[in-house]
């Protein structure tokens, strides 16, 4: 099992920046990717960004060039441990609950990012 704890978030004016962090604990050696989803009121939960243990990253088109996902695992360099999401040039439409998540390795699987573990979520509110 893997536990995910998010930190960061809050209220910021449009054009401002926020940084979210997610710390994974437990069986982190089993993780192949970590990412962030977000869910705005009345909308579906959408993928924002994902980073693989190899360092490869993917972003939603709506956040490309503004958000950066990174992993901070100096101690476990081959594993995913702590992942951050730096959010710049924030817009009111970025307002949502942001969820950290993680995917465990599945032998032979090469499909899209499919998280197995989820954090509780953290609110990000961008005022206009």
C-alpha atoms as a PDB file:
ATOM      1  CA  UNK A   1       0.000   0.000   0.000  1.00  0.00           C
ATOM      2  CA  UNK A   2       0.978   3.606  -0.615  1.00  0.00           C
ATOM      3  CA  UNK A   3      -0.144   6.670   1.275  1.00  0.00           C
ATOM      4  CA  UNK A   4      -0.156  10.110  -0.322  1.00  0.00           C
ATOM      5  CA  UNK A   5      -0.131  13.368   1.626  1.00  0.00           C
ATOM      6  CA  UNK A   6      -0.581  16.662  -0.175  1.00  0.00           C
ATOM      7  CA  UNK A   7       0.499  20.097   0.975  1.00  0.00           C
ATOM      8  CA  UNK A   8       0.289  23.563  -0.488  1.00  0.00           C
ATOM      9  CA  UNK A   9      -2.692  25.076  -2.181  1.00  0.00           C
ATOM     10  CA  UNK A  10      -4.700  28.043  -1.015  1.00  0.00           C
ATOM     11  CA  UNK A  11      -5.952  31.329  -2.396  1.00  0.00           C
ATOM     12  CA  UNK A  12      -4.026  33.377  -4.935  1.00  0.00           C
ATOM     13  CA  UNK A  13      -4.804  36.185  -7.340  1.00  0.00           C
ATOM     14  CA  UNK A  14      -4.824  35.615 -11.071  1.00  0.00           C
ATOM     15  CA  UNK A  15      -1.304  35.709 -12.453  1.00  0.00           C
ATOM     16  CA  UNK A  16       0.157  34.451  -9.218  1.00  0.00           C
ATOM     17  CA  UNK A  17       1.910  31.204  -8.353  1.00  0.00           C
ATOM     18  CA  UNK A  18       1.416  28.275  -6.016  1.00  0.00           C
ATOM     19  CA  UNK A  19       3.355  25.107  -5.337  1.00  0.00           C
ATOM     20  CA  UNK A  20       1.764  21.813  -4.421  1.00  0.00           C
ATOM     21  CA  UNK A  21       3.716  18.932  -2.944  1.00  0.00           C
ATOM     22  CA  UNK A  22       2.830  15.294  -2.495  1.00  0.00           C
ATOM     23  CA  UNK A  23       4.751  12.910  -0.272  1.00  0.00           C
ATOM     24  CA  UNK A  24       4.399   9.197  -0.831  1.00  0.00           C
ATOM     25  CA  UNK A  25       5.066   6.630   1.865  1.00  0.00           C
ATOM     26  CA  UNK A  26       4.752   2.885   2.123  1.00  0.00           C
ATOM     27  CA  UNK A  27       5.584   0.700  -0.850  1.00  0.00           C
ATOM     28  CA  UNK A  28       7.073   3.474  -2.970  1.00  0.00           C
ATOM     29  CA  UNK A  29       9.326   0.989  -4.735  1.00  0.00           C
ATOM     30  CA  UNK A  30       6.204  -0.257  -6.522  1.00  0.00           C
ATOM     31  CA  UNK A  31       5.362   3.111  -8.078  1.00  0.00           C
ATOM     32  CA  UNK A  32       5.955   3.816 -11.737  1.00  0.00           C
ATOM     33  CA  UNK A  33       4.346   7.241 -11.984  1.00  0.00           C
ATOM     34  CA  UNK A  34       2.831  10.029  -9.916  1.00  0.00           C
ATOM     35  CA  UNK A  35       0.609  12.851 -11.005  1.00  0.00           C
ATOM     36  CA  UNK A  36      -2.042  15.415 -10.275  1.00  0.00           C
ATOM     37  CA  UNK A  37      -5.685  15.505 -11.209  1.00  0.00           C
ATOM     38  CA  UNK A  38      -8.054  18.360 -10.521  1.00  0.00           C
ATOM     39  CA  UNK A  39     -11.781  18.692 -10.189  1.00  0.00           C
ATOM     40  CA  UNK A  40     -13.676  21.946 -10.446  1.00  0.00           C
ATOM     41  CA  UNK A  41     -17.226  22.271  -9.094  1.00  0.00           C
ATOM     42  CA  UNK A  42     -19.694  20.565 -11.374  1.00  0.00           C
ATOM     43  CA  UNK A  43     -16.987  19.164 -13.626  1.00  0.00           C
ATOM     44  CA  UNK A  44     -15.230  15.860 -14.102  1.00  0.00           C
ATOM     45  CA  UNK A  45     -11.879  15.085 -12.590  1.00  0.00           C
ATOM     46  CA  UNK A  46      -9.191  15.765 -15.185  1.00  0.00           C
ATOM     47  CA  UNK A  47      -5.525  14.893 -15.434  1.00  0.00           C
ATOM     48  CA  UNK A  48      -3.236  17.892 -15.001  1.00  0.00           C
ATOM     49  CA  UNK A  49       0.256  16.434 -15.107  1.00  0.00           C
ATOM     50  CA  UNK A  50       2.099  13.175 -14.600  1.00  0.00           C
ATOM     51  CA  UNK A  51       5.739  12.250 -14.085  1.00  0.00           C
ATOM     52  CA  UNK A  52       7.182   8.791 -14.530  1.00  0.00           C
ATOM     53  CA  UNK A  53      10.037   7.281 -12.587  1.00  0.00           C
ATOM     54  CA  UNK A  54      12.147   7.764 -15.722  1.00  0.00           C
ATOM     55  CA  UNK A  55      11.574  11.494 -15.529  1.00  0.00           C
ATOM     56  CA  UNK A  56       9.207  11.667 -18.502  1.00  0.00           C
ATOM     57  CA  UNK A  57       6.400  14.160 -18.016  1.00  0.00           C
ATOM     58  CA  UNK A  58       3.021  14.791 -19.614  1.00  0.00           C
ATOM     59  CA  UNK A  59       0.754  17.798 -19.232  1.00  0.00           C
ATOM     60  CA  UNK A  60      -2.787  18.734 -20.062  1.00  0.00           C
ATOM     61  CA  UNK A  61      -2.868  21.244 -22.901  1.00  0.00           C
ATOM     62  CA  UNK A  62      -4.523  23.799 -20.642  1.00  0.00           C
ATOM     63  CA  UNK A  63      -1.505  23.965 -18.318  1.00  0.00           C
ATOM     64  CA  UNK A  64       1.424  23.489 -20.692  1.00  0.00           C
ATOM     65  CA  UNK A  65       3.965  26.242 -20.280  1.00  0.00           C
ATOM     66  CA  UNK A  66       2.501  27.307 -16.935  1.00  0.00           C
ATOM     67  CA  UNK A  67       2.729  24.238 -14.701  1.00  0.00           C
ATOM     68  CA  UNK A  68       5.786  22.123 -13.991  1.00  0.00           C
ATOM     69  CA  UNK A  69       5.768  18.732 -12.311  1.00  0.00           C
ATOM     70  CA  UNK A  70       8.955  17.466 -10.732  1.00  0.00           C
ATOM     71  CA  UNK A  71      10.119  14.724  -8.426  1.00  0.00           C
ATOM     72  CA  UNK A  72      12.246  15.318  -5.354  1.00  0.00           C
ATOM     73  CA  UNK A  73      13.782  12.069  -4.285  1.00  0.00           C
ATOM     74  CA  UNK A  74      17.449  12.621  -3.728  1.00  0.00           C
ATOM     75  CA  UNK A  75      17.561   9.769  -1.251  1.00  0.00           C
ATOM     76  CA  UNK A  76      15.713   7.272  -3.466  1.00  0.00           C
ATOM     77  CA  UNK A  77      16.925   8.371  -6.851  1.00  0.00           C
ATOM     78  CA  UNK A  78      15.308   5.554  -8.776  1.00  0.00           C
ATOM     79  CA  UNK A  79      11.999   5.769  -6.980  1.00  0.00           C
ATOM     80  CA  UNK A  80       9.171   8.254  -6.780  1.00  0.00           C
ATOM     81  CA  UNK A  81       8.954   9.718  -3.297  1.00  0.00           C
ATOM     82  CA  UNK A  82       7.916  13.354  -3.318  1.00  0.00           C
ATOM     83  CA  UNK A  83       6.385  15.107  -6.297  1.00  0.00           C
ATOM     84  CA  UNK A  84       5.766  18.826  -6.661  1.00  0.00           C
ATOM     85  CA  UNK A  85       3.562  20.836  -8.993  1.00  0.00           C
ATOM     86  CA  UNK A  86       4.726  24.388  -9.570  1.00  0.00           C
ATOM     87  CA  UNK A  87       1.837  26.441 -10.895  1.00  0.00           C
ATOM     88  CA  UNK A  88       2.598  29.827 -12.456  1.00  0.00           C
ATOM     89  CA  UNK A  89       0.459  32.368 -14.268  1.00  0.00           C
ATOM     90  CA  UNK A  90      -2.602  30.990 -12.543  1.00  0.00           C
ATOM     91  CA  UNK A  91      -6.016  31.699 -13.989  1.00  0.00           C
ATOM     92  CA  UNK A  92      -9.457  31.662 -12.374  1.00  0.00           C
ATOM     93  CA  UNK A  93     -10.249  28.559 -14.414  1.00  0.00           C
ATOM     94  CA  UNK A  94      -7.470  26.731 -12.559  1.00  0.00           C
ATOM     95  CA  UNK A  95      -9.648  26.855  -9.457  1.00  0.00           C
ATOM     96  CA  UNK A  96     -10.295  23.290  -8.356  1.00  0.00           C
ATOM     97  CA  UNK A  97      -9.502  20.629  -5.820  1.00  0.00           C
ATOM     98  CA  UNK A  98      -6.158  19.140  -6.786  1.00  0.00           C
ATOM     99  CA  UNK A  99      -5.558  15.459  -6.075  1.00  0.00           C
ATOM    100  CA  UNK A 100      -2.194  13.769  -5.926  1.00  0.00           C
ATOM    101  CA  UNK A 101      -2.150  10.213  -7.227  1.00  0.00           C
ATOM    102  CA  UNK A 102       0.196   7.385  -8.030  1.00  0.00           C
ATOM    103  CA  UNK A 103       0.316   4.365 -10.304  1.00  0.00           C
ATOM    104  CA  UNK A 104       1.889   1.088  -9.311  1.00  0.00           C
ATOM    105  CA  UNK A 105       3.893  -0.940 -11.756  1.00  0.00           C
ATOM    106  CA  UNK A 106       1.955  -3.522 -13.762  1.00  0.00           C
ATOM    107  CA  UNK A 107       4.088  -6.014 -15.697  1.00  0.00           C
ATOM    108  CA  UNK A 108       3.393  -5.733 -19.396  1.00  0.00           C
ATOM    109  CA  UNK A 109       1.199  -2.631 -19.067  1.00  0.00           C
ATOM    110  CA  UNK A 110       1.951   0.198 -21.484  1.00  0.00           C
ATOM    111  CA  UNK A 111      -1.311   2.108 -21.490  1.00  0.00           C
ATOM    112  CA  UNK A 112      -2.242   5.537 -20.256  1.00  0.00           C
ATOM    113  CA  UNK A 113      -1.599   6.717 -16.726  1.00  0.00           C
ATOM    114  CA  UNK A 114      -4.060   4.886 -14.470  1.00  0.00           C
ATOM    115  CA  UNK A 115      -3.628   5.796 -10.790  1.00  0.00           C
ATOM    116  CA  UNK A 116      -4.107   3.240  -8.067  1.00  0.00           C
ATOM    117  CA  UNK A 117      -3.650   5.541  -5.088  1.00  0.00           C
ATOM    118  CA  UNK A 118      -5.126   8.943  -4.299  1.00  0.00           C
ATOM    119  CA  UNK A 119      -4.559  11.708  -1.828  1.00  0.00           C
ATOM    120  CA  UNK A 120      -7.377  13.551  -0.096  1.00  0.00           C
ATOM    121  CA  UNK A 121      -7.085  16.652  -2.249  1.00  0.00           C
ATOM    122  CA  UNK A 122      -6.141  20.247  -1.649  1.00  0.00           C
ATOM    123  CA  UNK A 123      -8.115  23.328  -2.666  1.00  0.00           C
ATOM    124  CA  UNK A 124      -6.648  25.845  -5.078  1.00  0.00           C
ATOM    125  CA  UNK A 125      -8.626  29.029  -5.576  1.00  0.00           C
ATOM    126  CA  UNK A 126      -7.598  31.693  -8.075  1.00  0.00           C
ATOM    127  CA  UNK A 127      -9.377  35.004  -7.773  1.00  0.00           C
ATOM    128  CA  UNK A 128      -9.834  37.346 -10.718  1.00  0.00           C
END
